[in-house]
Amino acid sequence: MTNAKNAALTKVLFLDLNGTVRSPKSGGLFIKDPLDQELIPGAKEAIATHQGLIVGITNQGGVEAGYKSLEDCIKEQRRTLEIIPEMESIYFCPDFEGRFCWEINGYYHREKQVRSFAREESTAGFDCAAIFANPGEERLNFRKPSPGMIEYAYSSLATERGGRYNLAPLENCLMVGDRLEDKQAAQSLGMPFMEAEKWRERGL
């Protein structure tokens, strides 16, 4: 019987979302409501070429800025998972300091909030899962260009579905995005990066 230890390694495709795979139907700069989104030409076809896991990694500072509610942001990611059924889950950071990460899981149909804490901080009063920094290290920063959101997504995937995934190391995975912050997040983890436009050309 095949198990996770002897199964082939599963490569993860980390996709930025806005400007990489989706854009506003309304033609504006930002998605104004959960239904105001469509796939950018070539994205669907490029996604179809990937044989491993696919997850979305997106900064959503518009929540803290007041441009959208947290509830609408969650619905927005849910809609993206409906449009892209190949995508396992979406991780988004709604604040500018990078303290919070939300995981919207398409397989289990659940939402989970995670907060990063320094080792000496208390979780009292916070109704969310907690990630503590290692001794002597700063807390994990989820907002790109910091790599915390990717690191958390990778560790979460490694334990999903009873640990069935035997993930390839990050240096054998791929990050795709349209902004410098996407490239910097990938590079800080030693992970390959591809520009969104070049990646979409695979499907055209």
C-alpha atoms as a PDB file:
ATOM      1  CA  MET A   1       0.000   0.000   0.000  1.00  0.00           C
ATOM      2  CA  THR A   2       1.304   3.439  -0.901  1.00  0.00           C
ATOM      3  CA  ASN A   3       1.763   5.849   2.007  1.00  0.00           C
ATOM      4  CA  ALA A   4       3.003   9.419   2.452  1.00  0.00           C
ATOM      5  CA  LYS A   5       6.574   8.327   3.129  1.00  0.00           C
ATOM      6  CA  ASN A   6       7.095   6.501  -0.154  1.00  0.00           C
ATOM      7  CA  ALA A   7       4.687   8.457  -2.356  1.00  0.00           C
ATOM      8  CA  ALA A   8       6.008  10.858  -4.975  1.00  0.00           C
ATOM      9  CA  LEU A   9       6.699  14.357  -3.719  1.00  0.00           C
ATOM     10  CA  THR A  10       3.873  16.832  -4.263  1.00  0.00           C
ATOM     11  CA  LYS A  11       4.930  20.218  -5.594  1.00  0.00           C
ATOM     12  CA  VAL A  12       3.010  23.266  -4.413  1.00  0.00           C
ATOM     13  CA  LEU A  13       2.112  26.150  -6.709  1.00  0.00           C
ATOM     14  CA  PHE A  14       1.686  29.321  -4.643  1.00  0.00           C
ATOM     15  CA  LEU A  15      -0.360  31.884  -6.554  1.00  0.00           C
ATOM     16  CA  ASP A  16      -0.784  35.546  -5.813  1.00  0.00           C
ATOM     17  CA  LEU A  17      -4.364  36.406  -6.726  1.00  0.00           C
ATOM     18  CA  ASN A  18      -5.060  40.036  -7.679  1.00  0.00           C
ATOM     19  CA  GLY A  19      -3.367  40.828 -10.972  1.00  0.00           C
ATOM     20  CA  THR A  20      -2.089  37.269 -11.287  1.00  0.00           C
ATOM     21  CA  VAL A  21      -5.154  35.044 -11.662  1.00  0.00           C
ATOM     22  CA  ARG A  22      -8.129  37.361 -11.108  1.00  0.00           C
ATOM     23  CA  SER A  23      -9.224  40.913 -11.896  1.00  0.00           C
ATOM     24  CA  PRO A  24     -12.354  43.021 -11.239  1.00  0.00           C
ATOM     25  CA  LYS A  25     -15.209  42.464 -13.683  1.00  0.00           C
ATOM     26  CA  SER A  26     -16.106  46.120 -13.203  1.00  0.00           C
ATOM     27  CA  GLY A  27     -12.815  47.225 -14.703  1.00  0.00           C
ATOM     28  CA  GLY A  28     -11.736  49.022 -11.537  1.00  0.00           C
ATOM     29  CA  LEU A  29      -8.435  48.711  -9.738  1.00  0.00           C
ATOM     30  CA  PHE A  30      -9.836  46.565  -6.942  1.00  0.00           C
ATOM     31  CA  ILE A  31     -12.568  43.956  -6.515  1.00  0.00           C
ATOM     32  CA  LYS A  32     -15.508  45.896  -5.049  1.00  0.00           C
ATOM     33  CA  ASP A  33     -17.643  42.930  -3.940  1.00  0.00           C
ATOM     34  CA  PRO A  34     -17.257  39.122  -3.880  1.00  0.00           C
ATOM     35  CA  LEU A  35     -18.908  38.669  -7.300  1.00  0.00           C
ATOM     36  CA  ASP A  36     -16.856  41.405  -8.986  1.00  0.00           C
ATOM     37  CA  GLN A  37     -14.105  39.072 -10.175  1.00  0.00           C
ATOM     38  CA  GLU A  38     -13.116  37.045 -13.201  1.00  0.00           C
ATOM     39  CA  LEU A  39     -10.092  35.060 -14.298  1.00  0.00           C
ATOM     40  CA  ILE A  40      -7.406  36.826 -16.286  1.00  0.00           C
ATOM     41  CA  PRO A  41      -7.008  35.255 -19.766  1.00  0.00           C
ATOM     42  CA  GLY A  42      -4.541  32.388 -19.662  1.00  0.00           C
ATOM     43  CA  ALA A  43      -4.822  31.802 -15.898  1.00  0.00           C
ATOM     44  CA  LYS A  44      -7.278  28.909 -16.090  1.00  0.00           C
ATOM     45  CA  GLU A  45      -5.233  27.142 -18.741  1.00  0.00           C
ATOM     46  CA  ALA A  46      -1.954  27.713 -16.870  1.00  0.00           C
ATOM     47  CA  ILE A  47      -3.494  26.297 -13.697  1.00  0.00           C
ATOM     48  CA  ALA A  48      -4.505  23.182 -15.636  1.00  0.00           C
ATOM     49  CA  THR A  49      -0.845  22.453 -16.439  1.00  0.00           C
ATOM     50  CA  HIS A  50       0.090  22.009 -12.762  1.00  0.00           C
ATOM     51  CA  GLN A  51       0.012  18.473 -11.389  1.00  0.00           C
ATOM     52  CA  GLY A  52       0.450  19.221  -7.680  1.00  0.00           C
ATOM     53  CA  LEU A  53      -1.280  21.347  -5.051  1.00  0.00           C
ATOM     54  CA  ILE A  54      -2.380  24.923  -5.752  1.00  0.00           C
ATOM     55  CA  VAL A  55      -2.972  27.573  -3.094  1.00  0.00           C
ATOM     56  CA  GLY A  56      -3.642  31.297  -3.151  1.00  0.00           C
ATOM     57  CA  ILE A  57      -1.465  33.738  -1.179  1.00  0.00           C
ATOM     58  CA  THR A  58      -2.829  37.279  -1.002  1.00  0.00           C
ATOM     59  CA  ASN A  59      -2.390  40.486   0.974  1.00  0.00           C
ATOM     60  CA  GLN A  60      -5.780  42.008   1.750  1.00  0.00           C
ATOM     61  CA  GLY A  61      -4.881  45.250   3.493  1.00  0.00           C
ATOM     62  CA  GLY A  62      -8.117  46.720   2.170  1.00  0.00           C
ATOM     63  CA  VAL A  63      -9.800  45.137   5.197  1.00  0.00           C
ATOM     64  CA  GLU A  64      -7.798  47.193   7.686  1.00  0.00           C
ATOM     65  CA  ALA A  65      -8.015  50.244   5.430  1.00  0.00           C
ATOM     66  CA  GLY A  66     -11.805  50.008   5.518  1.00  0.00           C
ATOM     67  CA  TYR A  67     -12.360  49.392   1.802  1.00  0.00           C
ATOM     68  CA  LYS A  68     -14.001  46.034   2.477  1.00  0.00           C
ATOM     69  CA  SER A  69     -15.291  44.137   5.490  1.00  0.00           C
ATOM     70  CA  LEU A  70     -13.636  40.986   6.764  1.00  0.00           C
ATOM     71  CA  GLU A  71     -16.855  39.113   5.970  1.00  0.00           C
ATOM     72  CA  ASP A  72     -16.824  40.296   2.348  1.00  0.00           C
ATOM     73  CA  CYS A  73     -13.134  39.449   2.045  1.00  0.00           C
ATOM     74  CA  ILE A  74     -13.829  35.891   3.164  1.00  0.00           C
ATOM     75  CA  LYS A  75     -16.714  35.668   0.680  1.00  0.00           C
ATOM     76  CA  GLU A  76     -14.402  37.011  -2.033  1.00  0.00           C
ATOM     77  CA  GLN A  77     -11.937  34.178  -1.464  1.00  0.00           C
ATOM     78  CA  ARG A  78     -14.777  31.657  -1.339  1.00  0.00           C
ATOM     79  CA  ARG A  79     -15.938  32.885  -4.737  1.00  0.00           C
ATOM     80  CA  THR A  80     -12.410  32.493  -6.114  1.00  0.00           C
ATOM     81  CA  LEU A  81     -12.348  28.887  -4.887  1.00  0.00           C
ATOM     82  CA  GLU A  82     -15.617  28.307  -6.749  1.00  0.00           C
ATOM     83  CA  ILE A  83     -14.126  29.768  -9.932  1.00  0.00           C
ATOM     84  CA  ILE A  84     -10.916  27.757  -9.484  1.00  0.00           C
ATOM     85  CA  PRO A  85     -11.927  24.339  -8.111  1.00  0.00           C
ATOM     86  CA  GLU A  86      -8.349  23.099  -8.566  1.00  0.00           C
ATOM     87  CA  MET A  87      -7.240  25.431  -5.777  1.00  0.00           C
ATOM     88  CA  GLU A  88      -6.933  23.712  -2.401  1.00  0.00           C
ATOM     89  CA  SER A  89      -7.155  26.800  -0.214  1.00  0.00           C
ATOM     90  CA  ILE A  90      -6.509  30.535   0.002  1.00  0.00           C
ATOM     91  CA  TYR A  91      -4.500  32.313   2.673  1.00  0.00           C
ATOM     92  CA  PHE A  92      -4.886  36.045   3.160  1.00  0.00           C
ATOM     93  CA  CYS A  93      -3.450  38.677   5.472  1.00  0.00           C
ATOM     94  CA  PRO A  94      -5.979  41.435   6.302  1.00  0.00           C
ATOM     95  CA  ASP A  95      -3.709  43.781   8.268  1.00  0.00           C
ATOM     96  CA  PHE A  96      -0.683  45.924   7.486  1.00  0.00           C
ATOM     97  CA  GLU A  97       1.441  44.655  10.383  1.00  0.00           C
ATOM     98  CA  GLY A  98       1.128  41.046   9.250  1.00  0.00           C
ATOM     99  CA  ARG A  99      -0.145  39.716  12.564  1.00  0.00           C
ATOM    100  CA  PHE A 100      -3.156  37.838  11.206  1.00  0.00           C
ATOM    101  CA  CYS A 101      -3.655  35.193   8.542  1.00  0.00           C
ATOM    102  CA  TRP A 102      -6.937  33.640   7.444  1.00  0.00           C
ATOM    103  CA  GLU A 103      -7.090  30.210   5.837  1.00  0.00           C
ATOM    104  CA  ILE A 104     -10.083  29.623   3.558  1.00  0.00           C
ATOM    105  CA  ASN A 105     -10.108  25.920   2.789  1.00  0.00           C
ATOM    106  CA  GLY A 106     -11.951  24.707  -0.290  1.00  0.00           C
ATOM    107  CA  TYR A 107     -11.696  21.002   0.544  1.00  0.00           C
ATOM    108  CA  TYR A 108     -13.012  21.167   4.105  1.00  0.00           C
ATOM    109  CA  HIS A 109     -15.192  24.246   3.502  1.00  0.00           C
ATOM    110  CA  ARG A 110     -13.915  26.028   6.583  1.00  0.00           C
ATOM    111  CA  GLU A 111     -12.362  29.311   7.659  1.00  0.00           C
ATOM    112  CA  LYS A 112      -9.607  29.563  10.268  1.00  0.00           C
ATOM    113  CA  GLN A 113      -7.963  32.649  11.720  1.00  0.00           C
ATOM    114  CA  VAL A 114      -4.355  32.491  12.912  1.00  0.00           C
ATOM    115  CA  ARG A 115      -2.438  35.127  14.848  1.00  0.00           C
ATOM    116  CA  SER A 116       1.320  35.382  15.207  1.00  0.00           C
ATOM    117  CA  PHE A 117       2.728  36.051  18.669  1.00  0.00           C
ATOM    118  CA  ALA A 118       6.166  36.772  20.044  1.00  0.00           C
ATOM    119  CA  ARG A 119       7.313  34.104  22.508  1.00  0.00           C
ATOM    120  CA  GLU A 120       6.611  36.308  25.542  1.00  0.00           C
ATOM    121  CA  GLU A 121       3.154  37.493  24.420  1.00  0.00           C
ATOM    122  CA  SER A 122      -0.076  36.131  25.870  1.00  0.00           C
ATOM    123  CA  THR A 123      -2.946  34.771  23.782  1.00  0.00           C
ATOM    124  CA  ALA A 124      -5.494  35.757  26.427  1.00  0.00           C
ATOM    125  CA  GLY A 125      -8.522  37.411  24.881  1.00  0.00           C
ATOM    126  CA  PHE A 126      -7.820  36.221  21.342  1.00  0.00           C
ATOM    127  CA  ASP A 127     -10.221  33.715  19.812  1.00  0.00           C
ATOM    128  CA  CYS A 128      -7.930  32.257  17.168  1.00  0.00           C
ATOM    129  CA  ALA A 129      -5.203  29.722  16.609  1.00  0.00           C
ATOM    130  CA  ALA A 130      -1.782  30.936  17.712  1.00  0.00           C
ATOM    131  CA  ILE A 131       1.677  30.634  16.212  1.00  0.00           C
ATOM    132  CA  PHE A 132       4.594  31.510  18.479  1.00  0.00           C
ATOM    133  CA  ALA A 133       7.975  32.689  17.312  1.00  0.00           C
ATOM    134  CA  ASN A 134      10.935  30.490  18.140  1.00  0.00           C
ATOM    135  CA  PRO A 135      13.042  31.628  21.100  1.00  0.00           C
ATOM    136  CA  GLY A 136      15.150  34.632  20.115  1.00  0.00           C
ATOM    137  CA  GLU A 137      13.180  35.237  16.908  1.00  0.00           C
ATOM    138  CA  GLU A 138      10.597  37.855  16.036  1.00  0.00           C
ATOM    139  CA  ARG A 139       7.001  36.778  15.539  1.00  0.00           C
ATOM    140  CA  LEU A 140       6.028  35.445  12.123  1.00  0.00           C
ATOM    141  CA  ASN A 141       4.965  38.235   9.743  1.00  0.00           C
ATOM    142  CA  PHE A 142       2.199  37.065   7.419  1.00  0.00           C
ATOM    143  CA  ARG A 143       2.150  40.065   5.084  1.00  0.00           C
ATOM    144  CA  LYS A 144       4.186  39.827   1.894  1.00  0.00           C
ATOM    145  CA  PRO A 145       7.051  40.575   1.228  1.00  0.00           C
ATOM    146  CA  SER A 146       7.620  38.720   4.503  1.00  0.00           C
ATOM    147  CA  PRO A 147       7.383  34.966   3.919  1.00  0.00           C
ATOM    148  CA  GLY A 148       5.208  34.080   6.919  1.00  0.00           C
ATOM    149  CA  MET A 149       2.014  33.439   4.979  1.00  0.00           C
ATOM    150  CA  ILE A 150       3.807  31.024   2.645  1.00  0.00           C
ATOM    151  CA  GLU A 151       5.515  29.308   5.576  1.00  0.00           C
ATOM    152  CA  TYR A 152       2.223  28.863   7.400  1.00  0.00           C
ATOM    153  CA  ALA A 153       0.438  27.614   4.263  1.00  0.00           C
ATOM    154  CA  TYR A 154       3.190  25.066   3.638  1.00  0.00           C
ATOM    155  CA  SER A 155       3.089  23.739   7.212  1.00  0.00           C
ATOM    156  CA  SER A 156      -0.714  23.610   7.128  1.00  0.00           C
ATOM    157  CA  LEU A 157      -0.730  21.664   3.865  1.00  0.00           C
ATOM    158  CA  ALA A 158       1.760  19.186   5.301  1.00  0.00           C
ATOM    159  CA  THR A 159      -0.786  18.139   7.936  1.00  0.00           C
ATOM    160  CA  GLU A 160      -3.974  18.337   5.827  1.00  0.00           C
ATOM    161  CA  ARG A 161      -6.084  15.262   5.072  1.00  0.00           C
ATOM    162  CA  GLY A 162      -4.360  13.197   7.719  1.00  0.00           C
ATOM    163  CA  GLY A 163      -0.857  14.042   6.524  1.00  0.00           C
ATOM    164  CA  ARG A 164      -1.398  12.377   3.151  1.00  0.00           C
ATOM    165  CA  TYR A 165       0.643  14.972   1.321  1.00  0.00           C
ATOM    166  CA  ASN A 166       4.352  14.296   0.957  1.00  0.00           C
ATOM    167  CA  LEU A 167       5.343  17.824   0.037  1.00  0.00           C
ATOM    168  CA  ALA A 168       8.343  18.679  -2.068  1.00  0.00           C
ATOM    169  CA  PRO A 169      10.736  21.115  -0.357  1.00  0.00           C
ATOM    170  CA  LEU A 170      10.025  24.778  -1.004  1.00  0.00           C
ATOM    171  CA  GLU A 171      13.032  25.071  -3.303  1.00  0.00           C
ATOM    172  CA  ASN A 172      11.200  22.667  -5.644  1.00  0.00           C
ATOM    173  CA  CYS A 173       7.880  24.522  -5.472  1.00  0.00           C
ATOM    174  CA  LEU A 174       6.919  27.738  -7.295  1.00  0.00           C
ATOM    175  CA  MET A 175       5.567  31.177  -6.436  1.00  0.00           C
ATOM    176  CA  VAL A 176       3.807  33.200  -9.150  1.00  0.00           C
ATOM    177  CA  GLY A 177       2.961  36.878  -8.800  1.00  0.00           C
ATOM    178  CA  ASP A 178       2.862  40.282 -10.434  1.00  0.00           C
ATOM    179  CA  ARG A 179       4.526  42.397  -7.743  1.00  0.00           C
ATOM    180  CA  LEU A 180       7.969  42.765  -6.225  1.00  0.00           C
ATOM    181  CA  GLU A 181       6.609  41.725  -2.828  1.00  0.00           C
ATOM    182  CA  ASP A 182       5.681  38.310  -4.283  1.00  0.00           C
ATOM    183  CA  LYS A 183       9.182  37.813  -5.623  1.00  0.00           C
ATOM    184  CA  GLN A 184      10.803  38.914  -2.373  1.00  0.00           C
ATOM    185  CA  ALA A 185       8.668  36.539  -0.300  1.00  0.00           C
ATOM    186  CA  ALA A 186       9.665  33.613  -2.508  1.00  0.00           C
ATOM    187  CA  GLN A 187      13.341  34.542  -2.630  1.00  0.00           C
ATOM    188  CA  SER A 188      13.590  34.786   1.149  1.00  0.00           C
ATOM    189  CA  LEU A 189      12.604  31.098   1.286  1.00  0.00           C
ATOM    190  CA  GLY A 190      14.858  30.019  -1.564  1.00  0.00           C
ATOM    191  CA  MET A 191      11.809  29.231  -3.695  1.00  0.00           C
ATOM    192  CA  PRO A 192      11.672  29.813  -7.469  1.00  0.00           C
ATOM    193  CA  PHE A 193       9.554  32.725  -8.677  1.00  0.00           C
ATOM    194  CA  MET A 194       7.830  33.384 -12.009  1.00  0.00           C
ATOM    195  CA  GLU A 195       6.259  36.600 -13.250  1.00  0.00           C
ATOM    196  CA  ALA A 196       2.488  36.310 -13.633  1.00  0.00           C
ATOM    197  CA  GLU A 197       2.393  37.364 -17.276  1.00  0.00           C
ATOM    198  CA  LYS A 198       5.019  34.801 -18.267  1.00  0.00           C
ATOM    199  CA  TRP A 199       3.200  32.087 -16.300  1.00  0.00           C
ATOM    200  CA  ARG A 200      -0.144  32.860 -17.966  1.00  0.00           C
ATOM    201  CA  GLU A 201       1.476  32.556 -21.377  1.00  0.00           C
ATOM    202  CA  ARG A 202       1.731  28.823 -20.691  1.00  0.00           C
ATOM    203  CA  GLY A 203      -2.011  28.611 -21.189  1.00  0.00           C
ATOM    204  CA  LEU A 204      -2.322  30.819 -24.261  1.00  0.00           C
END
